[in-house]
C-alpha atoms as a PDB file:
ATOM      1  CA  MET A   1      16.529   2.299  -6.692  1.00  0.00           C
ATOM      2  CA  ASN A   2      18.907   4.549  -4.823  1.00  0.00           C
ATOM      3  CA  GLU A   3      19.881   8.143  -5.623  1.00  0.00           C
ATOM      4  CA  ASP A   4      23.026   7.038  -7.480  1.00  0.00           C
ATOM      5  CA  HIS A   5      20.780   5.705 -10.253  1.00  0.00           C
ATOM      6  CA  LEU A   6      18.603   8.810 -10.549  1.00  0.00           C
ATOM      7  CA  THR A   7      19.302  11.403 -13.181  1.00  0.00           C
ATOM      8  CA  LYS A   8      18.134  14.968 -13.017  1.00  0.00           C
ATOM      9  CA  SER A   9      16.720  16.859 -15.939  1.00  0.00           C
ATOM     10  CA  THR A  10      16.139  20.504 -16.562  1.00  0.00           C
ATOM     11  CA  VAL A  11      12.823  21.393 -18.111  1.00  0.00           C
ATOM     12  CA  ARG A  12      11.902  24.809 -19.432  1.00  0.00           C
ATOM     13  CA  LEU A  13       8.202  25.628 -19.430  1.00  0.00           C
ATOM     14  CA  GLU A  14       6.338  28.530 -20.911  1.00  0.00           C
ATOM     15  CA  LEU A  15       3.315  29.106 -18.731  1.00  0.00           C
ATOM     16  CA  GLU A  16       0.143  31.018 -19.323  1.00  0.00           C
ATOM     17  CA  ALA A  17      -0.309  33.984 -16.984  1.00  0.00           C
ATOM     18  CA  GLU A  18      -3.024  32.121 -15.050  1.00  0.00           C
ATOM     19  CA  GLU A  19      -0.739  29.114 -14.557  1.00  0.00           C
ATOM     20  CA  ALA A  20       2.107  31.278 -13.262  1.00  0.00           C
ATOM     21  CA  ALA A  21      -0.316  33.083 -10.954  1.00  0.00           C
ATOM     22  CA  PHE A  22      -1.581  29.750  -9.645  1.00  0.00           C
ATOM     23  CA  ILE A  23       1.980  28.642  -8.884  1.00  0.00           C
ATOM     24  CA  ASP A  24       2.699  31.913  -7.094  1.00  0.00           C
ATOM     25  CA  GLN A  25      -0.560  31.576  -5.129  1.00  0.00           C
ATOM     26  CA  GLU A  26       0.248  28.000  -4.056  1.00  0.00           C
ATOM     27  CA  ILE A  27       3.740  28.989  -2.963  1.00  0.00           C
ATOM     28  CA  SER A  28       2.378  32.043  -1.093  1.00  0.00           C
ATOM     29  CA  ARG A  29      -0.154  29.955   0.816  1.00  0.00           C
ATOM     30  CA  GLY A  30       2.536  27.438   1.726  1.00  0.00           C
ATOM     31  CA  ALA A  31       1.240  24.494  -0.302  1.00  0.00           C
ATOM     32  CA  CYS A  32       4.718  24.099  -1.813  1.00  0.00           C
ATOM     33  CA  ALA A  33       8.017  25.814  -1.199  1.00  0.00           C
ATOM     34  CA  THR A  34       9.013  26.140  -4.852  1.00  0.00           C
ATOM     35  CA  ALA A  35       7.621  25.779  -8.357  1.00  0.00           C
ATOM     36  CA  GLU A  36       9.686  22.593  -8.654  1.00  0.00           C
ATOM     37  CA  ASP A  37       7.952  21.166  -5.582  1.00  0.00           C
ATOM     38  CA  LEU A  38       4.572  22.025  -7.086  1.00  0.00           C
ATOM     39  CA  LEU A  39       5.501  20.330 -10.363  1.00  0.00           C
ATOM     40  CA  ARG A  40       6.687  17.240  -8.505  1.00  0.00           C
ATOM     41  CA  ALA A  41       3.418  17.138  -6.545  1.00  0.00           C
ATOM     42  CA  GLY A  42       1.464  17.390  -9.795  1.00  0.00           C
ATOM     43  CA  LEU A  43       3.488  14.598 -11.369  1.00  0.00           C
ATOM     44  CA  HIS A  44       2.932  12.469  -8.283  1.00  0.00           C
ATOM     45  CA  LEU A  45      -0.834  12.982  -8.603  1.00  0.00           C
ATOM     46  CA  LEU A  46      -0.739  12.051 -12.296  1.00  0.00           C
ATOM     47  CA  GLU A  47       1.250   8.909 -11.504  1.00  0.00           C
ATOM     48  CA  LYS A  48      -1.201   7.974  -8.745  1.00  0.00           C
ATOM     49  CA  SER A  49      -4.160   8.582 -11.061  1.00  0.00           C
ATOM     50  CA  GLU A  50      -2.623   6.379 -13.776  1.00  0.00           C
ATOM     51  CA  ARG A  51      -1.916   3.625 -11.235  1.00  0.00           C
ATOM     52  CA  GLN A  52      -5.537   3.793 -10.024  1.00  0.00           C
ATOM     53  CA  ARG A  53      -6.775   3.632 -13.637  1.00  0.00           C
ATOM     54  CA  ARG A  54      -4.696   0.497 -14.281  1.00  0.00           C
ATOM     55  CA  ILE A  55      -5.944  -1.107 -11.053  1.00  0.00           C
ATOM     56  CA  ALA A  56      -9.554  -0.377 -12.057  1.00  0.00           C
ATOM     57  CA  GLU A  57      -8.895  -1.901 -15.484  1.00  0.00           C
ATOM     58  CA  LEU A  58      -7.450  -5.041 -13.898  1.00  0.00           C
ATOM     59  CA  ARG A  59     -10.413  -5.311 -11.530  1.00  0.00           C
ATOM     60  CA  THR A  60     -12.764  -5.086 -14.509  1.00  0.00           C
ATOM     61  CA  MET A  61     -10.841  -7.855 -16.262  1.00  0.00           C
ATOM     62  CA  ILE A  62     -11.034 -10.011 -13.119  1.00  0.00           C
ATOM     63  CA  ASP A  63     -14.785  -9.402 -12.845  1.00  0.00           C
ATOM     64  CA  GLU A  64     -15.228 -10.375 -16.505  1.00  0.00           C
ATOM     65  CA  ALA A  65     -13.167 -13.530 -15.968  1.00  0.00           C
ATOM     66  CA  ASP A  66     -15.226 -14.422 -12.889  1.00  0.00           C
ATOM     67  CA  ALA A  67     -18.418 -13.949 -14.924  1.00  0.00           C
ATOM     68  CA  ASP A  68     -17.029 -16.227 -17.637  1.00  0.00           C
ATOM     69  CA  VAL A  69     -16.272 -18.930 -15.075  1.00  0.00           C
ATOM     70  CA  ASP A  70     -19.725 -18.543 -13.502  1.00  0.00           C
ATOM     71  CA  ALA A  71     -21.286 -18.911 -16.973  1.00  0.00           C
ATOM     72  CA  GLY A  72     -19.205 -21.988 -17.741  1.00  0.00           C
ATOM     73  CA  ARG A  73     -17.052 -20.273 -20.371  1.00  0.00           C
ATOM     74  CA  PHE A  74     -13.708 -21.812 -19.482  1.00  0.00           C
ATOM     75  CA  SER A  75     -11.480 -24.745 -20.368  1.00  0.00           C
ATOM     76  CA  GLU A  76      -9.892 -27.084 -17.886  1.00  0.00           C
ATOM     77  CA  LEU A  77      -6.290 -27.965 -18.628  1.00  0.00           C
ATOM     78  CA  GLY A  78      -4.564 -30.740 -16.767  1.00  0.00           C
ATOM     79  CA  ALA A  79      -1.720 -32.360 -18.649  1.00  0.00           C
ATOM     80  CA  LEU A  80       1.667 -30.754 -19.068  1.00  0.00           C
ATOM     81  CA  GLY A  81       1.744 -28.877 -22.351  1.00  0.00           C
ATOM     82  CA  GLU A  82      -2.011 -28.454 -22.650  1.00  0.00           C
ATOM     83  CA  LEU A  83      -1.790 -24.772 -21.805  1.00  0.00           C
ATOM     84  CA  SER A  84       0.720 -23.991 -24.539  1.00  0.00           C
ATOM     85  CA  ASP A  85      -1.302 -26.037 -27.053  1.00  0.00           C
ATOM     86  CA  TYR A  86      -4.456 -24.180 -26.014  1.00  0.00           C
ATOM     87  CA  VAL A  87      -2.771 -20.770 -26.351  1.00  0.00           C
ATOM     88  CA  LYS A  88      -1.438 -21.676 -29.801  1.00  0.00           C
ATOM     89  CA  GLU A  89      -4.906 -22.830 -30.927  1.00  0.00           C
ATOM     90  CA  GLN A  90      -6.488 -19.627 -29.671  1.00  0.00           C
ATOM     91  CA  ALA A  91      -3.850 -17.523 -31.455  1.00  0.00           C
ATOM     92  CA  LYS A  92      -4.466 -19.372 -34.729  1.00  0.00           C
ATOM     93  CA  ALA A  93      -8.221 -18.926 -34.342  1.00  0.00           C
ATOM     94  CA  ARG A  94      -7.828 -15.143 -33.967  1.00  0.00           C
ATOM     95  CA  ARG A  95      -5.921 -14.758 -37.245  1.00  0.00           C
END
């Protein structure tokens, strides 16, 4: 995505005194040049944390699937159409 597709938004925040002091402290020590930069850095960390959470969830699902295969809890499908038939049967069974 290039910059032509990005839109900018203005956000107004009411901060607690401690939050405003923290922002001022971070700017003073050179961690960020502006409050906007600090907010962007915080959003980046939240995005990274969410991405790591989703990756961990997927890894757990993979581990569970591997355990199912190791325990023999799987179905082999070979013929064309067997997968869709299997999925439909499983969906009906869950209702």
